[in-house]
PDB file of N, CA and C in Angstrom:
ATOM      1  N   MET A   1     -79.257  -4.507  78.563  1.00  0.00           N
ATOM      2  CA  MET A   1     -77.988  -5.118  78.758  1.00  0.00           C
ATOM      3  C   MET A   1     -77.566  -3.621  78.882  1.00  0.00           C
ATOM      4  N   PRO A   2     -76.252  -3.478  79.967  1.00  0.00           N
ATOM      5  CA  PRO A   2     -75.966  -1.868  80.022  1.00  0.00           C
ATOM      6  C   PRO A   2     -75.321  -1.556  78.808  1.00  0.00           C
ATOM      7  N   LYS A   3     -74.538   0.133  78.568  1.00  0.00           N
ATOM      8  CA  LYS A   3     -74.323   0.521  77.332  1.00  0.00           C
ATOM      9  C   LYS A   3     -72.688   0.055  77.769  1.00  0.00           C
ATOM     10  N   MET A   4     -71.751  -0.546  76.895  1.00  0.00           N
ATOM     11  CA  MET A   4     -70.257   0.013  77.335  1.00  0.00           C
ATOM     12  C   MET A   4     -69.702   1.467  77.398  1.00  0.00           C
ATOM     13  N   LYS A   5     -68.691   0.753  78.538  1.00  0.00           N
ATOM     14  CA  LYS A   5     -68.839   1.855  78.693  1.00  0.00           C
ATOM     15  C   LYS A   5     -66.434   2.594  78.225  1.00  0.00           C
ATOM     16  N   THR A   6     -66.547   3.334  77.202  1.00  0.00           N
ATOM     17  CA  THR A   6     -65.145   3.360  76.918  1.00  0.00           C
ATOM     18  C   THR A   6     -63.677   3.745  77.907  1.00  0.00           C
ATOM     19  N   LYS A   7     -62.888   3.139  77.645  1.00  0.00           N
ATOM     20  CA  LYS A   7     -61.510   2.935  78.406  1.00  0.00           C
ATOM     21  C   LYS A   7     -60.799   4.328  78.614  1.00  0.00           C
ATOM     22  N   SER A   8     -60.575   4.643  79.646  1.00  0.00           N
ATOM     23  CA  SER A   8     -60.658   6.526  79.835  1.00  0.00           C
ATOM     24  C   SER A   8     -59.458   6.359  79.330  1.00  0.00           C
ATOM     25  N   SER A   9     -57.923   5.308  79.973  1.00  0.00           N
ATOM     26  CA  SER A   9     -56.750   5.552  78.664  1.00  0.00           C
ATOM     27  C   SER A   9     -56.376   6.078  77.377  1.00  0.00           C
ATOM     28  N   ALA A  10     -57.591   5.025  76.911  1.00  0.00           N
ATOM     29  CA  ALA A  10     -57.897   5.029  74.875  1.00  0.00           C
ATOM     30  C   ALA A  10     -58.403   6.478  74.285  1.00  0.00           C
ATOM     31  N   LYS A  11     -59.334   6.650  75.592  1.00  0.00           N
ATOM     32  CA  LYS A  11     -59.863   8.268  74.847  1.00  0.00           C
ATOM     33  C   LYS A  11     -59.224   8.954  74.581  1.00  0.00           C
ATOM     34  N   LYS A  12     -57.789   8.552  76.100  1.00  0.00           N
ATOM     35  CA  LYS A  12     -57.548  10.203  76.116  1.00  0.00           C
ATOM     36  C   LYS A  12     -56.256  10.163  75.378  1.00  0.00           C
ATOM     37  N   ARG A  13     -55.839   8.773  74.570  1.00  0.00           N
ATOM     38  CA  ARG A  13     -54.779   8.363  74.226  1.00  0.00           C
ATOM     39  C   ARG A  13     -54.145   8.175  72.462  1.00  0.00           C
ATOM     40  N   PHE A  14     -56.019   7.922  71.946  1.00  0.00           N
ATOM     41  CA  PHE A  14     -56.107   8.008  70.193  1.00  0.00           C
ATOM     42  C   PHE A  14     -57.103   8.875  69.628  1.00  0.00           C
ATOM     43  N   LYS A  15     -56.947   9.392  68.554  1.00  0.00           N
ATOM     44  CA  LYS A  15     -57.837   9.898  67.814  1.00  0.00           C
ATOM     45  C   LYS A  15     -58.818   9.219  66.977  1.00  0.00           C
ATOM     46  N   ILE A  16     -60.261   8.928  66.307  1.00  0.00           N
ATOM     47  CA  ILE A  16     -60.277   8.190  63.935  1.00  0.00           C
ATOM     48  C   ILE A  16     -60.678   9.751  64.075  1.00  0.00           C
ATOM     49  N   THR A  17     -59.918   9.376  62.555  1.00  0.00           N
ATOM     50  CA  THR A  17     -59.648  10.732  61.800  1.00  0.00           C
ATOM     51  C   THR A  17     -61.465   9.920  60.594  1.00  0.00           C
ATOM     52  N   GLY A  18     -61.168  11.005  59.830  1.00  0.00           N
ATOM     53  CA  GLY A  18     -62.574  11.122  58.986  1.00  0.00           C
ATOM     54  C   GLY A  18     -62.448   9.401  58.149  1.00  0.00           C
ATOM     55  N   THR A  19     -61.593   9.008  57.908  1.00  0.00           N
ATOM     56  CA  THR A  19     -61.942   7.862  57.009  1.00  0.00           C
ATOM     57  C   THR A  19     -62.075   6.139  57.574  1.00  0.00           C
ATOM     58  N   GLY A  20     -61.727   6.496  59.090  1.00  0.00           N
ATOM     59  CA  GLY A  20     -62.005   5.494  60.421  1.00  0.00           C
ATOM     60  C   GLY A  20     -60.297   5.430  60.860  1.00  0.00           C
ATOM     61  N   LYS A  21     -59.402   5.710  60.155  1.00  0.00           N
ATOM     62  CA  LYS A  21     -57.985   5.095  61.064  1.00  0.00           C
ATOM     63  C   LYS A  21     -57.499   5.777  61.779  1.00  0.00           C
ATOM     64  N   ILE A  22     -57.382   5.306  62.624  1.00  0.00           N
ATOM     65  CA  ILE A  22     -56.333   5.615  64.088  1.00  0.00           C
ATOM     66  C   ILE A  22     -54.704   6.330  64.211  1.00  0.00           C
ATOM     67  N   LYS A  23     -55.339   7.455  64.873  1.00  0.00           N
ATOM     68  CA  LYS A  23     -54.574   8.982  64.809  1.00  0.00           C
ATOM     69  C   LYS A  23     -53.421   8.045  66.292  1.00  0.00           C
ATOM     70  N   ARG A  24     -52.066   8.623  66.515  1.00  0.00           N
ATOM     71  CA  ARG A  24     -52.014   8.395  67.755  1.00  0.00           C
ATOM     72  C   ARG A  24     -50.349   9.512  68.001  1.00  0.00           C
ATOM     73  N   LYS A  25     -49.815   9.919  69.145  1.00  0.00           N
ATOM     74  CA  LYS A  25     -49.325  10.452  69.440  1.00  0.00           C
ATOM     75  C   LYS A  25     -47.676   9.604  69.775  1.00  0.00           C
ATOM     76  N   HIS A  26     -46.576  10.135  69.473  1.00  0.00           N
ATOM     77  CA  HIS A  26     -45.010   9.607  69.310  1.00  0.00           C
ATOM     78  C   HIS A  26     -45.133   9.041  71.166  1.00  0.00           C
ATOM     79  N   ALA A  27     -44.715   7.827  71.188  1.00  0.00           N
ATOM     80  CA  ALA A  27     -43.680   8.583  72.710  1.00  0.00           C
ATOM     81  C   ALA A  27     -41.793   9.157  72.745  1.00  0.00           C
ATOM     82  N   PHE A  28     -42.185   8.674  73.992  1.00  0.00           N
ATOM     83  CA  PHE A  28     -40.281   9.001  74.056  1.00  0.00           C
ATOM     84  C   PHE A  28     -40.051  10.747  73.341  1.00  0.00           C
ATOM     85  N   LYS A  29     -41.373  11.785  73.776  1.00  0.00           N
ATOM     86  CA  LYS A  29     -41.140  12.853  73.840  1.00  0.00           C
ATOM     87  C   LYS A  29     -41.617  13.527  74.829  1.00  0.00           C
ATOM     88  N   SER A  30     -41.814  13.051  76.322  1.00  0.00           N
ATOM     89  CA  SER A  30     -42.134  14.417  77.087  1.00  0.00           C
ATOM     90  C   SER A  30     -41.503  14.879  78.233  1.00  0.00           C
ATOM     91  N   HIS A  31     -39.736  13.692  78.457  1.00  0.00           N
ATOM     92  CA  HIS A  31     -38.824  13.893  78.880  1.00  0.00           C
ATOM     93  C   HIS A  31     -37.702  13.647  78.778  1.00  0.00           C
ATOM     94  N   ILE A  32     -36.655  13.966  79.134  1.00  0.00           N
ATOM     95  CA  ILE A  32     -34.860  13.851  79.643  1.00  0.00           C
ATOM     96  C   ILE A  32     -35.411  13.941  78.104  1.00  0.00           C
ATOM     97  N   LEU A  33     -35.078  15.176  77.198  1.00  0.00           N
ATOM     98  CA  LEU A  33     -35.354  14.959  76.118  1.00  0.00           C
ATOM     99  C   LEU A  33     -33.246  16.597  75.614  1.00  0.00           C
ATOM    100  N   THR A  34     -33.003  16.066  76.534  1.00  0.00           N
ATOM    101  CA  THR A  34     -31.182  16.968  76.264  1.00  0.00           C
ATOM    102  C   THR A  34     -30.333  15.954  76.089  1.00  0.00           C
ATOM    103  N   LYS A  35     -30.508  14.697  76.262  1.00  0.00           N
ATOM    104  CA  LYS A  35     -29.952  14.145  75.707  1.00  0.00           C
ATOM    105  C   LYS A  35     -30.354  13.495  73.792  1.00  0.00           C
ATOM    106  N   LYS A  36     -31.562  13.408  73.010  1.00  0.00           N
ATOM    107  CA  LYS A  36     -31.648  13.952  71.854  1.00  0.00           C
ATOM    108  C   LYS A  36     -31.476  14.722  71.269  1.00  0.00           C
ATOM    109  N   THR A  37     -32.014  14.452  69.972  1.00  0.00           N
ATOM    110  CA  THR A  37     -30.392  15.111  68.799  1.00  0.00           C
ATOM    111  C   THR A  37     -32.127  15.881  68.558  1.00  0.00           C
ATOM    112  N   LYS A  38     -32.548  17.378  68.121  1.00  0.00           N
ATOM    113  CA  LYS A  38     -32.778  17.707  67.657  1.00  0.00           C
ATOM    114  C   LYS A  38     -33.952  17.169  66.267  1.00  0.00           C
ATOM    115  N   LYS A  39     -33.542  15.935  66.030  1.00  0.00           N
ATOM    116  CA  LYS A  39     -33.699  16.077  64.667  1.00  0.00           C
ATOM    117  C   LYS A  39     -35.427  14.714  64.937  1.00  0.00           C
ATOM    118  N   GLN A  40     -33.850  14.084  66.040  1.00  0.00           N
ATOM    119  CA  GLN A  40     -35.109  13.065  67.235  1.00  0.00           C
ATOM    120  C   GLN A  40     -36.552  13.780  67.453  1.00  0.00           C
ATOM    121  N   LYS A  41     -36.244  14.426  68.241  1.00  0.00           N
ATOM    122  CA  LYS A  41     -37.400  15.054  68.612  1.00  0.00           C
ATOM    123  C   LYS A  41     -38.348  16.017  67.642  1.00  0.00           C
ATOM    124  N   ARG A  42     -37.603  16.430  66.707  1.00  0.00           N
ATOM    125  CA  ARG A  42     -39.232  17.060  66.148  1.00  0.00           C
ATOM    126  C   ARG A  42     -40.046  15.970  64.470  1.00  0.00           C
ATOM    127  N   ASN A  43     -38.869  14.842  64.651  1.00  0.00           N
ATOM    128  CA  ASN A  43     -39.563  13.509  64.089  1.00  0.00           C
ATOM    129  C   ASN A  43     -40.476  13.006  65.036  1.00  0.00           C
ATOM    130  N   LEU A  44     -40.402  13.124  66.442  1.00  0.00           N
ATOM    131  CA  LEU A  44     -41.440  12.636  67.261  1.00  0.00           C
ATOM    132  C   LEU A  44     -42.925  13.304  68.109  1.00  0.00           C
ATOM    133  N   THR A  45     -42.476  15.044  66.956  1.00  0.00           N
ATOM    134  CA  THR A  45     -43.743  15.472  67.229  1.00  0.00           C
ATOM    135  C   THR A  45     -44.666  15.013  66.043  1.00  0.00           C
ATOM    136  N   HIS A  46     -44.458  15.107  65.224  1.00  0.00           N
ATOM    137  CA  HIS A  46     -45.556  15.169  64.263  1.00  0.00           C
ATOM    138  C   HIS A  46     -46.252  13.149  64.515  1.00  0.00           C
ATOM    139  N   ALA A  47     -48.224  13.718  64.527  1.00  0.00           N
ATOM    140  CA  ALA A  47     -48.519  12.232  64.811  1.00  0.00           C
ATOM    141  C   ALA A  47     -48.273  11.776  63.753  1.00  0.00           C
ATOM    142  N   GLY A  48     -48.681  10.035  63.930  1.00  0.00           N
ATOM    143  CA  GLY A  48     -48.213   8.548  63.609  1.00  0.00           C
ATOM    144  C   GLY A  48     -50.066   8.066  63.426  1.00  0.00           C
ATOM    145  N   LEU A  49     -50.243   6.862  62.890  1.00  0.00           N
ATOM    146  CA  LEU A  49     -50.753   6.008  62.196  1.00  0.00           C
ATOM    147  C   LEU A  49     -50.668   4.588  63.337  1.00  0.00           C
ATOM    148  N   VAL A  50     -52.008   3.923  63.518  1.00  0.00           N
ATOM    149  CA  VAL A  50     -51.824   3.197  64.798  1.00  0.00           C
ATOM    150  C   VAL A  50     -51.518   1.257  63.490  1.00  0.00           C
ATOM    151  N   HIS A  51     -50.992   0.543  63.615  1.00  0.00           N
ATOM    152  CA  HIS A  51     -50.239  -0.096  62.794  1.00  0.00           C
ATOM    153  C   HIS A  51     -52.179  -1.211  62.609  1.00  0.00           C
ATOM    154  N   LYS A  52     -52.015  -2.028  61.356  1.00  0.00           N
ATOM    155  CA  LYS A  52     -53.564  -2.597  60.908  1.00  0.00           C
ATOM    156  C   LYS A  52     -53.893  -3.374  63.173  1.00  0.00           C
ATOM    157  N   SER A  53     -52.676  -4.005  62.679  1.00  0.00           N
ATOM    158  CA  SER A  53     -53.162  -4.949  63.238  1.00  0.00           C
ATOM    159  C   SER A  53     -53.162  -4.456  64.849  1.00  0.00           C
ATOM    160  N   ASP A  54     -53.175  -3.329  65.737  1.00  0.00           N
ATOM    161  CA  ASP A  54     -53.846  -3.146  66.524  1.00  0.00           C
ATOM    162  C   ASP A  54     -54.833  -2.522  66.955  1.00  0.00           C
ATOM    163  N   GLU A  55     -54.996  -2.359  65.706  1.00  0.00           N
ATOM    164  CA  GLU A  55     -56.883  -1.453  65.346  1.00  0.00           C
ATOM    165  C   GLU A  55     -58.105  -1.920  66.704  1.00  0.00           C
ATOM    166  N   ALA A  56     -57.961  -3.154  65.999  1.00  0.00           N
ATOM    167  CA  ALA A  56     -59.295  -3.553  66.181  1.00  0.00           C
ATOM    168  C   ALA A  56     -59.496  -3.892  67.713  1.00  0.00           C
ATOM    169  N   SER A  57     -57.786  -3.877  68.769  1.00  0.00           N
ATOM    170  CA  SER A  57     -58.857  -3.732  70.073  1.00  0.00           C
ATOM    171  C   SER A  57     -57.966  -2.668  70.854  1.00  0.00           C
ATOM    172  N   ILE A  58     -57.217  -1.784  69.770  1.00  0.00           N
ATOM    173  CA  ILE A  58     -57.935   0.363  69.797  1.00  0.00           C
ATOM    174  C   ILE A  58     -59.833   0.262  69.349  1.00  0.00           C
ATOM    175  N   LYS A  59     -59.849  -0.009  68.344  1.00  0.00           N
ATOM    176  CA  LYS A  59     -61.759   0.648  68.810  1.00  0.00           C
ATOM    177  C   LYS A  59     -62.407  -0.474  69.540  1.00  0.00           C
ATOM    178  N   GLN A  60     -62.242  -1.868  69.838  1.00  0.00           N
ATOM    179  CA  GLN A  60     -62.939  -2.162  70.636  1.00  0.00           C
ATOM    180  C   GLN A  60     -63.133  -1.746  72.328  1.00  0.00           C
ATOM    181  N   GLN A  61     -61.575  -0.714  72.513  1.00  0.00           N
ATOM    182  CA  GLN A  61     -61.707   0.058  73.517  1.00  0.00           C
ATOM    183  C   GLN A  61     -62.291   0.991  74.277  1.00  0.00           C
ATOM    184  N   LEU A  62     -62.322   1.751  72.205  1.00  0.00           N
ATOM    185  CA  LEU A  62     -62.990   2.869  72.581  1.00  0.00           C
ATOM    186  C   LEU A  62     -64.929   2.276  71.699  1.00  0.00           C
ATOM    187  N   CYS A  63     -65.047   1.701  72.425  1.00  0.00           N
ATOM    188  CA  CYS A  63     -66.474   0.598  71.947  1.00  0.00           C
ATOM    189  C   CYS A  63     -67.122   1.175  70.708  1.00  0.00           C
ATOM    190  N   MET A  64     -66.100   1.035  69.379  1.00  0.00           N
ATOM    191  CA  MET A  64     -66.272   1.561  68.668  1.00  0.00           C
ATOM    192  C   MET A  64     -66.687  -0.229  67.535  1.00  0.00           C
ATOM    193  N   LYS A  65     -67.605   0.077  66.462  1.00  0.00           N
ATOM    194  CA  LYS A  65     -67.471  -1.962  65.836  1.00  0.00           C
ATOM    195  C   LYS A  65     -67.197  -1.278  64.575  1.00  0.00           C
TER     196      LYS A  65
END
């Protein structure tokens, strides 16, 4: 059987931490920033973790078991 290919979109958006959790960036930080407050933009800067219920599907896209 051939090797599984990683989804390119997932590979660009997610990183695996040392403990096996999945890191992600926040949305709403790319454009239309003038109407957002400094506090909003600052809080969107920090990376977050993927919710536990979504981890399985993302790991499948990244070809991890």
